[in-house]
C-alpha atoms as a PDB file:
ATOM      1  CA  MET A   1      -9.020 -14.746  55.508  1.00  0.00           C
ATOM      2  CA  SER A   2      -8.128 -11.090  56.022  1.00  0.00           C
ATOM      3  CA  ASP A   3      -5.719  -8.623  54.467  1.00  0.00           C
ATOM      4  CA  ILE A   4      -5.363  -6.837  57.803  1.00  0.00           C
ATOM      5  CA  ASP A   5      -2.577  -7.684  60.226  1.00  0.00           C
ATOM      6  CA  ASP A   6      -3.444  -8.825  63.735  1.00  0.00           C
ATOM      7  CA  ASP A   7      -1.903  -5.588  65.062  1.00  0.00           C
ATOM      8  CA  ASP A   8      -4.721  -3.670  63.391  1.00  0.00           C
ATOM      9  CA  ILE A   9      -7.399  -5.604  65.260  1.00  0.00           C
ATOM     10  CA  SER A  10      -8.410  -4.464  68.744  1.00  0.00           C
ATOM     11  CA  VAL A  11     -10.118  -7.093  70.893  1.00  0.00           C
ATOM     12  CA  LEU A  12     -11.519  -5.437  74.010  1.00  0.00           C
ATOM     13  CA  GLU A  13     -13.861  -7.232  76.358  1.00  0.00           C
ATOM     14  CA  ASP A  14     -15.370  -6.527  79.747  1.00  0.00           C
ATOM     15  CA  SER A  15     -14.578  -2.854  79.304  1.00  0.00           C
ATOM     16  CA  PRO A  16     -17.890  -1.069  79.941  1.00  0.00           C
ATOM     17  CA  VAL A  17     -18.410   2.471  78.773  1.00  0.00           C
ATOM     18  CA  GLU A  18     -19.275   3.793  82.229  1.00  0.00           C
ATOM     19  CA  ALA A  19     -19.624   7.395  83.218  1.00  0.00           C
ATOM     20  CA  GLU A  20     -16.994   7.163  85.938  1.00  0.00           C
ATOM     21  CA  THR A  21     -14.441   5.938  83.379  1.00  0.00           C
ATOM     22  CA  SER A  22     -12.878   8.969  81.713  1.00  0.00           C
ATOM     23  CA  VAL A  23     -13.449   9.228  77.980  1.00  0.00           C
ATOM     24  CA  ILE A  24     -10.371  11.391  77.662  1.00  0.00           C
ATOM     25  CA  ALA A  25      -7.098  10.121  76.279  1.00  0.00           C
ATOM     26  CA  GLY A  26      -3.973  12.079  75.536  1.00  0.00           C
ATOM     27  CA  ALA A  27      -4.368  15.832  75.781  1.00  0.00           C
ATOM     28  CA  ILE A  28      -5.130  16.189  79.491  1.00  0.00           C
ATOM     29  CA  ILE A  29      -4.782  19.643  81.029  1.00  0.00           C
ATOM     30  CA  GLU A  30      -2.939  19.550  84.373  1.00  0.00           C
ATOM     31  CA  SER A  31      -3.303  23.229  85.295  1.00  0.00           C
ATOM     32  CA  ILE A  32      -5.642  25.949  84.072  1.00  0.00           C
ATOM     33  CA  ASP A  33      -5.235  29.696  84.318  1.00  0.00           C
ATOM     34  CA  SER A  34      -7.945  31.482  86.251  1.00  0.00           C
ATOM     35  CA  GLY A  35     -10.473  32.965  83.871  1.00  0.00           C
ATOM     36  CA  THR A  36     -10.025  30.263  81.245  1.00  0.00           C
ATOM     37  CA  PRO A  37     -13.520  29.127  80.196  1.00  0.00           C
ATOM     38  CA  ILE A  38     -14.308  25.471  80.845  1.00  0.00           C
ATOM     39  CA  TYR A  39     -16.989  23.763  78.782  1.00  0.00           C
ATOM     40  CA  ARG A  40     -18.946  20.571  79.212  1.00  0.00           C
ATOM     41  CA  VAL A  41     -19.155  18.676  75.942  1.00  0.00           C
ATOM     42  CA  ARG A  42     -21.086  15.579  74.914  1.00  0.00           C
ATOM     43  CA  LEU A  43     -20.234  12.692  72.603  1.00  0.00           C
ATOM     44  CA  SER A  44     -23.418  12.169  70.626  1.00  0.00           C
ATOM     45  CA  TYR A  45     -22.955   8.450  69.978  1.00  0.00           C
ATOM     46  CA  SER A  46     -22.525   7.418  73.641  1.00  0.00           C
ATOM     47  CA  ASN A  47     -24.124  10.412  75.383  1.00  0.00           C
ATOM     48  CA  GLU A  48     -21.050  10.685  77.633  1.00  0.00           C
ATOM     49  CA  THR A  49     -19.995  14.132  78.816  1.00  0.00           C
ATOM     50  CA  PHE A  50     -16.687  15.552  79.997  1.00  0.00           C
ATOM     51  CA  LEU A  51     -14.958  18.869  80.561  1.00  0.00           C
ATOM     52  CA  ALA A  52     -12.770  20.621  77.995  1.00  0.00           C
ATOM     53  CA  ILE A  53     -11.185  24.022  77.413  1.00  0.00           C
ATOM     54  CA  TYR A  54     -10.601  26.159  74.340  1.00  0.00           C
ATOM     55  CA  ARG A  55      -8.524  29.319  74.755  1.00  0.00           C
ATOM     56  CA  ASN A  56      -8.665  30.654  71.192  1.00  0.00           C
ATOM     57  CA  ASP A  57     -12.256  31.888  71.213  1.00  0.00           C
ATOM     58  CA  THR A  58     -15.612  31.698  72.977  1.00  0.00           C
ATOM     59  CA  LEU A  59     -17.747  28.680  72.111  1.00  0.00           C
ATOM     60  CA  SER A  60     -21.524  28.869  72.065  1.00  0.00           C
ATOM     61  CA  PRO A  61     -23.834  26.081  73.265  1.00  0.00           C
ATOM     62  CA  ARG A  62     -24.552  23.402  70.620  1.00  0.00           C
ATOM     63  CA  ALA A  63     -21.319  24.222  68.764  1.00  0.00           C
ATOM     64  CA  MET A  64     -19.593  21.163  67.284  1.00  0.00           C
ATOM     65  CA  VAL A  65     -15.914  20.690  68.146  1.00  0.00           C
ATOM     66  CA  ILE A  66     -13.091  18.194  67.577  1.00  0.00           C
ATOM     67  CA  VAL A  67     -11.687  16.684  70.795  1.00  0.00           C
ATOM     68  CA  PRO A  68      -9.421  13.778  71.798  1.00  0.00           C
ATOM     69  CA  THR A  69     -11.292  10.843  73.363  1.00  0.00           C
ATOM     70  CA  ARG A  70     -10.197   7.524  74.773  1.00  0.00           C
ATOM     71  CA  TYR A  71     -10.795   5.991  71.342  1.00  0.00           C
ATOM     72  CA  GLY A  72      -9.248   8.725  69.190  1.00  0.00           C
ATOM     73  CA  LYS A  73     -10.140  12.178  67.861  1.00  0.00           C
ATOM     74  CA  ASP A  74     -13.864  12.617  67.398  1.00  0.00           C
ATOM     75  CA  MET A  75     -16.644  15.180  67.215  1.00  0.00           C
ATOM     76  CA  ALA A  76     -18.493  16.419  70.286  1.00  0.00           C
ATOM     77  CA  GLN A  77     -21.146  19.023  70.975  1.00  0.00           C
ATOM     78  CA  VAL A  78     -20.694  21.869  73.454  1.00  0.00           C
ATOM     79  CA  ILE A  79     -23.409  21.803  76.122  1.00  0.00           C
ATOM     80  CA  GLY A  80     -22.279  25.073  77.680  1.00  0.00           C
ATOM     81  CA  PRO A  81     -19.753  26.664  80.061  1.00  0.00           C
ATOM     82  CA  VAL A  82     -19.425  25.439  83.644  1.00  0.00           C
ATOM     83  CA  ARG A  83     -19.087  27.803  86.577  1.00  0.00           C
ATOM     84  CA  GLU A  84     -17.171  25.505  88.879  1.00  0.00           C
ATOM     85  CA  LYS A  85     -14.526  22.970  87.949  1.00  0.00           C
ATOM     86  CA  ALA A  86     -15.620  19.452  88.858  1.00  0.00           C
ATOM     87  CA  SER A  87     -13.203  16.876  90.213  1.00  0.00           C
ATOM     88  CA  GLU A  88     -12.582  15.272  86.842  1.00  0.00           C
ATOM     89  CA  LYS A  89      -9.986  15.424  84.104  1.00  0.00           C
ATOM     90  CA  ILE A  90     -10.150  18.169  81.525  1.00  0.00           C
ATOM     91  CA  ALA A  91      -9.362  17.837  77.831  1.00  0.00           C
ATOM     92  CA  TRP A  92      -8.205  20.336  75.239  1.00  0.00           C
ATOM     93  CA  ILE A  93     -10.594  21.169  72.420  1.00  0.00           C
ATOM     94  CA  GLU A  94      -8.509  20.962  69.266  1.00  0.00           C
ATOM     95  CA  ARG A  95     -10.699  23.172  67.098  1.00  0.00           C
ATOM     96  CA  PRO A  96     -14.288  23.952  66.129  1.00  0.00           C
ATOM     97  CA  ALA A  97     -15.697  21.506  63.587  1.00  0.00           C
ATOM     98  CA  SER A  98     -15.434  22.665  59.990  1.00  0.00           C
ATOM     99  CA  LYS A  99     -18.074  22.290  57.294  1.00  0.00           C
ATOM    100  CA  GLU A 100     -16.106  19.311  55.950  1.00  0.00           C
ATOM    101  CA  ASP A 101     -16.085  17.705  59.410  1.00  0.00           C
ATOM    102  CA  ILE A 102     -19.846  17.994  59.709  1.00  0.00           C
ATOM    103  CA  GLU A 103     -20.376  16.589  56.234  1.00  0.00           C
ATOM    104  CA  LYS A 104     -18.127  13.648  57.056  1.00  0.00           C
ATOM    105  CA  TYR A 105     -19.974  13.140  60.342  1.00  0.00           C
ATOM    106  CA  ARG A 106     -23.311  12.976  58.533  1.00  0.00           C
ATOM    107  CA  TYR A 107     -21.845  10.573  55.976  1.00  0.00           C
ATOM    108  CA  ASN A 108     -20.570   8.367  58.802  1.00  0.00           C
ATOM    109  CA  LEU A 109     -24.044   8.249  60.348  1.00  0.00           C
ATOM    110  CA  LYS A 110     -25.317   6.604  57.169  1.00  0.00           C
ATOM    111  CA  GLN A 111     -22.346   4.217  57.109  1.00  0.00           C
ATOM    112  CA  GLU A 112     -23.002   3.239  60.726  1.00  0.00           C
ATOM    113  CA  LYS A 113     -26.460   1.918  59.839  1.00  0.00           C
ATOM    114  CA  ASP A 114     -24.950  -0.445  57.273  1.00  0.00           C
ATOM    115  CA  ALA A 115     -22.125  -1.424  59.637  1.00  0.00           C
ATOM    116  CA  PHE A 116     -24.633  -2.199  62.384  1.00  0.00           C
ATOM    117  CA  LYS A 117     -26.656  -4.445  60.073  1.00  0.00           C
ATOM    118  CA  ILE A 118     -23.574  -6.296  58.809  1.00  0.00           C
ATOM    119  CA  CYS A 119     -22.168  -6.793  62.306  1.00  0.00           C
ATOM    120  CA  ARG A 120     -25.455  -8.185  63.585  1.00  0.00           C
ATOM    121  CA  GLU A 121     -25.536 -10.648  60.705  1.00  0.00           C
ATOM    122  CA  LYS A 122     -21.952 -11.677  61.509  1.00  0.00           C
ATOM    123  CA  ILE A 123     -22.883 -12.211  65.160  1.00  0.00           C
ATOM    124  CA  GLU A 124     -25.677 -14.554  64.125  1.00  0.00           C
ATOM    125  CA  TYR A 125     -23.355 -16.350  61.707  1.00  0.00           C
ATOM    126  CA  HIS A 126     -20.759 -16.961  64.430  1.00  0.00           C
ATOM    127  CA  ARG A 127     -23.536 -17.888  66.897  1.00  0.00           C
ATOM    128  CA  LEU A 128     -22.322 -15.554  69.603  1.00  0.00           C
ATOM    129  CA  GLU A 129     -24.441 -14.792  72.665  1.00  0.00           C
ATOM    130  CA  MET A 130     -24.208 -11.022  72.525  1.00  0.00           C
ATOM    131  CA  LYS A 131     -26.534  -8.125  71.720  1.00  0.00           C
ATOM    132  CA  LEU A 132     -25.219  -5.401  69.425  1.00  0.00           C
ATOM    133  CA  VAL A 133     -26.135  -1.928  70.724  1.00  0.00           C
ATOM    134  CA  MET A 134     -24.574   0.411  68.179  1.00  0.00           C
ATOM    135  CA  ALA A 135     -21.806   1.001  65.659  1.00  0.00           C
ATOM    136  CA  HIS A 136     -19.728   4.167  65.445  1.00  0.00           C
ATOM    137  CA  TYR A 137     -17.153   5.480  62.957  1.00  0.00           C
ATOM    138  CA  LEU A 138     -14.534   7.744  64.516  1.00  0.00           C
ATOM    139  CA  LEU A 139     -14.281  11.050  62.689  1.00  0.00           C
ATOM    140  CA  GLU A 140     -10.478  11.268  62.400  1.00  0.00           C
ATOM    141  CA  GLU A 141      -9.405   7.685  63.016  1.00  0.00           C
ATOM    142  CA  PRO A 142      -9.607   4.683  60.633  1.00  0.00           C
ATOM    143  CA  LYS A 143     -11.594   2.715  63.166  1.00  0.00           C
ATOM    144  CA  ILE A 144     -15.112   1.377  63.800  1.00  0.00           C
ATOM    145  CA  LEU A 145     -16.412   0.896  67.329  1.00  0.00           C
ATOM    146  CA  PHE A 146     -19.055  -1.744  68.040  1.00  0.00           C
ATOM    147  CA  PHE A 147     -20.805  -1.590  71.423  1.00  0.00           C
ATOM    148  CA  PHE A 148     -22.559  -4.686  72.736  1.00  0.00           C
ATOM    149  CA  THR A 149     -23.988  -6.291  75.853  1.00  0.00           C
ATOM    150  CA  ALA A 150     -23.614  -9.920  76.859  1.00  0.00           C
ATOM    151  CA  PRO A 151     -24.518 -11.967  79.963  1.00  0.00           C
ATOM    152  CA  ASN A 152     -21.085 -13.586  80.023  1.00  0.00           C
ATOM    153  CA  ARG A 153     -17.624 -13.216  78.529  1.00  0.00           C
ATOM    154  CA  VAL A 154     -17.609 -13.650  74.775  1.00  0.00           C
ATOM    155  CA  ASP A 155     -14.784 -14.947  72.590  1.00  0.00           C
ATOM    156  CA  PHE A 156     -15.314 -12.736  69.557  1.00  0.00           C
ATOM    157  CA  ARG A 157     -11.852 -12.928  67.998  1.00  0.00           C
ATOM    158  CA  ASP A 158     -13.162 -14.660  64.870  1.00  0.00           C
ATOM    159  CA  LEU A 159     -15.932 -12.072  64.626  1.00  0.00           C
ATOM    160  CA  VAL A 160     -13.412  -9.208  64.782  1.00  0.00           C
ATOM    161  CA  LYS A 161     -11.254 -10.785  62.072  1.00  0.00           C
ATOM    162  CA  ASP A 162     -14.342 -11.289  59.913  1.00  0.00           C
ATOM    163  CA  LEU A 163     -15.385  -7.649  60.386  1.00  0.00           C
ATOM    164  CA  GLY A 164     -11.843  -6.451  59.711  1.00  0.00           C
ATOM    165  CA  SER A 165     -11.822  -8.374  56.433  1.00  0.00           C
ATOM    166  CA  THR A 166     -15.197  -6.889  55.482  1.00  0.00           C
ATOM    167  CA  PHE A 167     -14.555  -3.237  56.339  1.00  0.00           C
ATOM    168  CA  ARG A 168     -10.749  -3.236  55.870  1.00  0.00           C
ATOM    169  CA  THR A 169     -10.172  -0.985  58.853  1.00  0.00           C
ATOM    170  CA  ARG A 170      -9.488  -1.318  62.558  1.00  0.00           C
ATOM    171  CA  ILE A 171     -12.275  -2.850  64.612  1.00  0.00           C
ATOM    172  CA  GLU A 172     -12.923  -2.379  68.336  1.00  0.00           C
ATOM    173  CA  MET A 173     -15.541  -4.343  70.275  1.00  0.00           C
ATOM    174  CA  ARG A 174     -16.643  -2.626  73.477  1.00  0.00           C
ATOM    175  CA  GLN A 175     -18.730  -4.528  76.012  1.00  0.00           C
ATOM    176  CA  ILE A 176     -21.021  -2.281  78.046  1.00  0.00           C
ATOM    177  CA  ASN A 177     -23.518  -3.043  80.820  1.00  0.00           C
ATOM    178  CA  VAL A 178     -27.290  -2.721  80.692  1.00  0.00           C
ATOM    179  CA  ARG A 179     -27.327   0.684  82.380  1.00  0.00           C
ATOM    180  CA  ASP A 180     -24.912   2.018  79.782  1.00  0.00           C
ATOM    181  CA  GLU A 181     -27.026   0.543  77.001  1.00  0.00           C
ATOM    182  CA  THR A 182     -30.046   2.494  78.232  1.00  0.00           C
ATOM    183  CA  ARG A 183     -27.964   5.660  78.473  1.00  0.00           C
ATOM    184  CA  VAL A 184     -26.668   5.220  74.916  1.00  0.00           C
ATOM    185  CA  VAL A 185     -29.963   4.252  73.254  1.00  0.00           C
ATOM    186  CA  GLY A 186     -32.297   6.520  75.243  1.00  0.00           C
ATOM    187  CA  GLY A 187     -36.084   6.325  75.441  1.00  0.00           C
ATOM    188  CA  GLN A 188     -39.060   7.372  77.545  1.00  0.00           C
ATOM    189  CA  GLY A 189     -39.473   6.396  81.196  1.00  0.00           C
ATOM    190  CA  VAL A 190     -42.632   5.555  83.147  1.00  0.00           C
ATOM    191  CA  CYS A 191     -42.826   9.231  84.182  1.00  0.00           C
ATOM    192  CA  GLY A 192     -43.333  10.231  80.549  1.00  0.00           C
ATOM    193  CA  ARG A 193     -39.971  11.982  80.310  1.00  0.00           C
ATOM    194  CA  ALA A 194     -36.688  10.929  78.705  1.00  0.00           C
ATOM    195  CA  TYR A 195     -34.550   8.498  80.697  1.00  0.00           C
ATOM    196  CA  CYS A 196     -32.584  10.251  83.468  1.00  0.00           C
ATOM    197  CA  CYS A 197     -29.340   8.536  82.438  1.00  0.00           C
ATOM    198  CA  HIS A 198     -29.794   9.815  78.872  1.00  0.00           C
ATOM    199  CA  ALA A 199     -31.251  13.296  79.327  1.00  0.00           C
ATOM    200  CA  VAL A 200     -30.406  14.407  82.886  1.00  0.00           C
ATOM    201  CA  SER A 201     -26.912  13.137  83.633  1.00  0.00           C
ATOM    202  CA  ASP A 202     -24.550  10.496  82.275  1.00  0.00           C
ATOM    203  CA  LYS A 203     -22.912  10.142  85.699  1.00  0.00           C
ATOM    204  CA  LEU A 204     -24.487   6.930  86.944  1.00  0.00           C
ATOM    205  CA  LYS A 205     -24.807   6.982  90.739  1.00  0.00           C
ATOM    206  CA  PRO A 206     -25.217   3.908  92.986  1.00  0.00           C
ATOM    207  CA  VAL A 207     -28.856   3.100  93.747  1.00  0.00           C
ATOM    208  CA  SER A 208     -30.010   0.853  96.609  1.00  0.00           C
ATOM    209  CA  ILE A 209     -33.301  -0.678  97.720  1.00  0.00           C
ATOM    210  CA  LYS A 210     -32.891   1.263 100.979  1.00  0.00           C
ATOM    211  CA  MET A 211     -33.573   4.452  99.016  1.00  0.00           C
ATOM    212  CA  ALA A 212     -36.943   3.082  97.872  1.00  0.00           C
ATOM    213  CA  LYS A 213     -37.827   2.163 101.462  1.00  0.00           C
ATOM    214  CA  GLU A 214     -36.943   5.623 102.772  1.00  0.00           C
ATOM    215  CA  GLN A 215     -39.104   7.189 100.046  1.00  0.00           C
ATOM    216  CA  LYS A 216     -42.059   4.978 101.030  1.00  0.00           C
ATOM    217  CA  LEU A 217     -42.299   3.425  97.587  1.00  0.00           C
ATOM    218  CA  SER A 218     -43.667   0.032  96.671  1.00  0.00           C
ATOM    219  CA  LEU A 219     -40.911  -2.572  96.771  1.00  0.00           C
ATOM    220  CA  ASN A 220     -42.404  -4.289  93.737  1.00  0.00           C
ATOM    221  CA  SER A 221     -39.393  -4.591  91.415  1.00  0.00           C
ATOM    222  CA  MET A 222     -41.581  -3.908  88.370  1.00  0.00           C
ATOM    223  CA  LYS A 223     -42.534  -0.486  89.763  1.00  0.00           C
ATOM    224  CA  ILE A 224     -39.130   0.748  90.926  1.00  0.00           C
ATOM    225  CA  SER A 225     -36.988  -0.615  88.095  1.00  0.00           C
ATOM    226  CA  GLY A 226     -36.149   1.054  84.813  1.00  0.00           C
ATOM    227  CA  PRO A 227     -36.121  -0.515  81.334  1.00  0.00           C
ATOM    228  CA  CYS A 228     -32.559  -1.681  82.002  1.00  0.00           C
ATOM    229  CA  GLY A 229     -33.880  -3.920  84.771  1.00  0.00           C
ATOM    230  CA  ARG A 230     -31.978  -1.985  87.464  1.00  0.00           C
ATOM    231  CA  LEU A 231     -33.364   0.329  90.149  1.00  0.00           C
ATOM    232  CA  LEU A 232     -34.545   3.707  88.847  1.00  0.00           C
ATOM    233  CA  CYS A 233     -31.851   6.406  88.687  1.00  0.00           C
ATOM    234  CA  CYS A 234     -34.297   8.974  90.079  1.00  0.00           C
ATOM    235  CA  LEU A 235     -34.270   7.142  93.430  1.00  0.00           C
ATOM    236  CA  SER A 236     -30.715   8.369  93.868  1.00  0.00           C
ATOM    237  CA  TYR A 237     -31.433  11.911  92.675  1.00  0.00           C
ATOM    238  CA  GLU A 238     -34.313  12.357  95.151  1.00  0.00           C
ATOM    239  CA  ASN A 239     -32.755  10.505  98.080  1.00  0.00           C
ATOM    240  CA  ALA A 240     -30.960  13.576  99.477  1.00  0.00           C
ATOM    241  CA  PHE A 241     -34.280  15.467  99.657  1.00  0.00           C
ATOM    242  CA  TYR A 242     -35.997  12.670 101.580  1.00  0.00           C
ATOM    243  CA  SER A 243     -33.052  12.205 103.941  1.00  0.00           C
ATOM    244  CA  GLU A 244     -32.991  15.923 104.758  1.00  0.00           C
ATOM    245  CA  GLN A 245     -36.762  16.205 105.221  1.00  0.00           C
ATOM    246  CA  GLN A 246     -36.972  13.159 107.494  1.00  0.00           C
ATOM    247  CA  ARG A 247     -34.618  14.828 109.949  1.00  0.00           C
ATOM    248  CA  LEU A 248     -37.123  17.669 110.310  1.00  0.00           C
ATOM    249  CA  VAL A 249     -40.197  15.564 111.125  1.00  0.00           C
ATOM    250  CA  PRO A 250     -41.071  12.704 113.497  1.00  0.00           C
ATOM    251  CA  LEU A 251     -40.735   9.139 112.229  1.00  0.00           C
ATOM    252  CA  GLU A 252     -43.719   6.883 111.630  1.00  0.00           C
ATOM    253  CA  GLY A 253     -44.794   5.304 114.912  1.00  0.00           C
ATOM    254  CA  SER A 254     -43.620   8.282 116.980  1.00  0.00           C
ATOM    255  CA  ARG A 255     -45.854   9.465 119.844  1.00  0.00           C
ATOM    256  CA  ILE A 256     -46.938  13.100 119.651  1.00  0.00           C
ATOM    257  CA  THR A 257     -48.592  15.293 122.268  1.00  0.00           C
ATOM    258  CA  HIS A 258     -51.451  17.306 120.796  1.00  0.00           C
ATOM    259  CA  GLU A 259     -54.471  18.878 122.541  1.00  0.00           C
ATOM    260  CA  ASN A 260     -53.455  17.213 125.793  1.00  0.00           C
ATOM    261  CA  GLN A 261     -53.692  13.814 124.164  1.00  0.00           C
ATOM    262  CA  THR A 262     -51.176  11.313 122.805  1.00  0.00           C
ATOM    263  CA  TRP A 263     -51.254  10.767 119.062  1.00  0.00           C
ATOM    264  CA  THR A 264     -49.309   8.360 116.830  1.00  0.00           C
ATOM    265  CA  VAL A 265     -47.709   9.300 113.533  1.00  0.00           C
ATOM    266  CA  THR A 266     -49.176   6.927 110.947  1.00  0.00           C
ATOM    267  CA  GLU A 267     -48.099   8.395 107.620  1.00  0.00           C
ATOM    268  CA  LEU A 268     -45.537  10.845 106.222  1.00  0.00           C
ATOM    269  CA  ASN A 269     -45.749  12.531 102.850  1.00  0.00           C
ATOM    270  CA  MET A 270     -42.455  14.270 102.204  1.00  0.00           C
ATOM    271  CA  VAL A 271     -43.514  15.667  98.835  1.00  0.00           C
ATOM    272  CA  SER A 272     -46.677  17.422 100.050  1.00  0.00           C
ATOM    273  CA  GLY A 273     -45.224  18.130 103.506  1.00  0.00           C
ATOM    274  CA  GLN A 274     -48.222  16.536 105.257  1.00  0.00           C
ATOM    275  CA  ILE A 275     -48.187  14.266 108.308  1.00  0.00           C
ATOM    276  CA  LYS A 276     -51.088  12.044 109.308  1.00  0.00           C
ATOM    277  CA  ILE A 277     -51.580  11.272 113.017  1.00  0.00           C
ATOM    278  CA  SER A 278     -54.172   9.153 114.813  1.00  0.00           C
ATOM    279  CA  ALA A 279     -55.559   9.166 118.349  1.00  0.00           C
ATOM    280  CA  SER A 280     -56.544   6.225 120.527  1.00  0.00           C
ATOM    281  CA  ASP A 281     -60.220   7.075 120.075  1.00  0.00           C
ATOM    282  CA  GLY A 282     -59.946   6.533 116.322  1.00  0.00           C
ATOM    283  CA  ARG A 283     -59.683  10.155 115.225  1.00  0.00           C
ATOM    284  CA  ILE A 284     -57.295  10.825 112.313  1.00  0.00           C
ATOM    285  CA  ILE A 285     -56.068  14.260 111.285  1.00  0.00           C
ATOM    286  CA  THR A 286     -53.527  15.534 108.751  1.00  0.00           C
ATOM    287  CA  LEU A 287     -51.254  18.440 109.632  1.00  0.00           C
ATOM    288  CA  PRO A 288     -48.519  20.316 107.774  1.00  0.00           C
ATOM    289  CA  ALA A 289     -44.965  19.314 108.707  1.00  0.00           C
ATOM    290  CA  SER A 290     -44.212  22.937 109.659  1.00  0.00           C
ATOM    291  CA  ARG A 291     -46.391  22.563 112.781  1.00  0.00           C
ATOM    292  CA  PHE A 292     -44.157  19.906 114.306  1.00  0.00           C
ATOM    293  CA  GLU A 293     -41.200  20.813 116.485  1.00  0.00           C
ATOM    294  CA  LYS A 294     -38.821  18.874 118.686  1.00  0.00           C
ATOM    295  CA  ILE A 295     -38.234  20.132 122.230  1.00  0.00           C
ATOM    296  CA  ASP A 296     -36.187  18.242 124.824  1.00  0.00           C
ATOM    297  CA  ASN A 297     -36.005  15.292 122.445  1.00  0.00           C
ATOM    298  CA  ARG A 298     -39.807  15.084 122.228  1.00  0.00           C
ATOM    299  CA  TRP A 299     -42.044  16.006 119.321  1.00  0.00           C
ATOM    300  CA  ARG A 300     -45.146  18.157 119.723  1.00  0.00           C
ATOM    301  CA  VAL A 301     -47.619  20.065 117.552  1.00  0.00           C
ATOM    302  CA  THR A 302     -47.437  23.857 117.693  1.00  0.00           C
ATOM    303  CA  GLY A 303     -50.136  26.397 117.048  1.00  0.00           C
END
């Protein structure tokens, strides 16, 4: 059926493209001289970022470079220099992209559209329960990457052989999860801005329902979930702020002494810094959080 040997076919399943999995393969730098500039670069097709160095010259933001990745040599874009080295592996930038590299990259973008269409047709033909997310041609490797999601494990060996026969090059199938799909594809969130996982950071942090509770948000899953169906990434980004602020103010239900009367904290608004308290006679007032202080383990209103 195919003119390609089985050794040229890569069958990879249950191997999500996650941010915590390093995209680097091969040229890892173990030690770096002080003063050597470190850059953060981004792979455009997956939106993953990683650190890399280039000692030959200074690179400007948005410059295109050739770097080794876990899949082979490819093109990446320089985001900019980093001031502090993060606790992650660092790659070596091979060289700035040439005019020929950029032309080939643009040509590959057109080829990827056709490859995506053909692969999706093949998936339907083989009746596989999987959703194709994207296709990508490596710049300096005779290989096509196909990223997909699936609810269960998929036996796509026949599909890979079929694709190998069609494109006559190496084929890799990469299964990613729904969060990664959203990061790769991108889009606009309910806030009106680009998805956090696509535009803010590709480092996906754990998110829990406890974070939504601490931020006094509705626990309606439709309101606190992103398009991927998982809890919103921004819950994790803002959680540190809420945790810090809540240590500086009384909790809801706390009893407060104010104007020689006992009041109860009924509502906290960490964003506006306002606290609502109510008295036994039905009076309700709102005060700034800065007026509350804790003395001898008891909260009171100052001023």
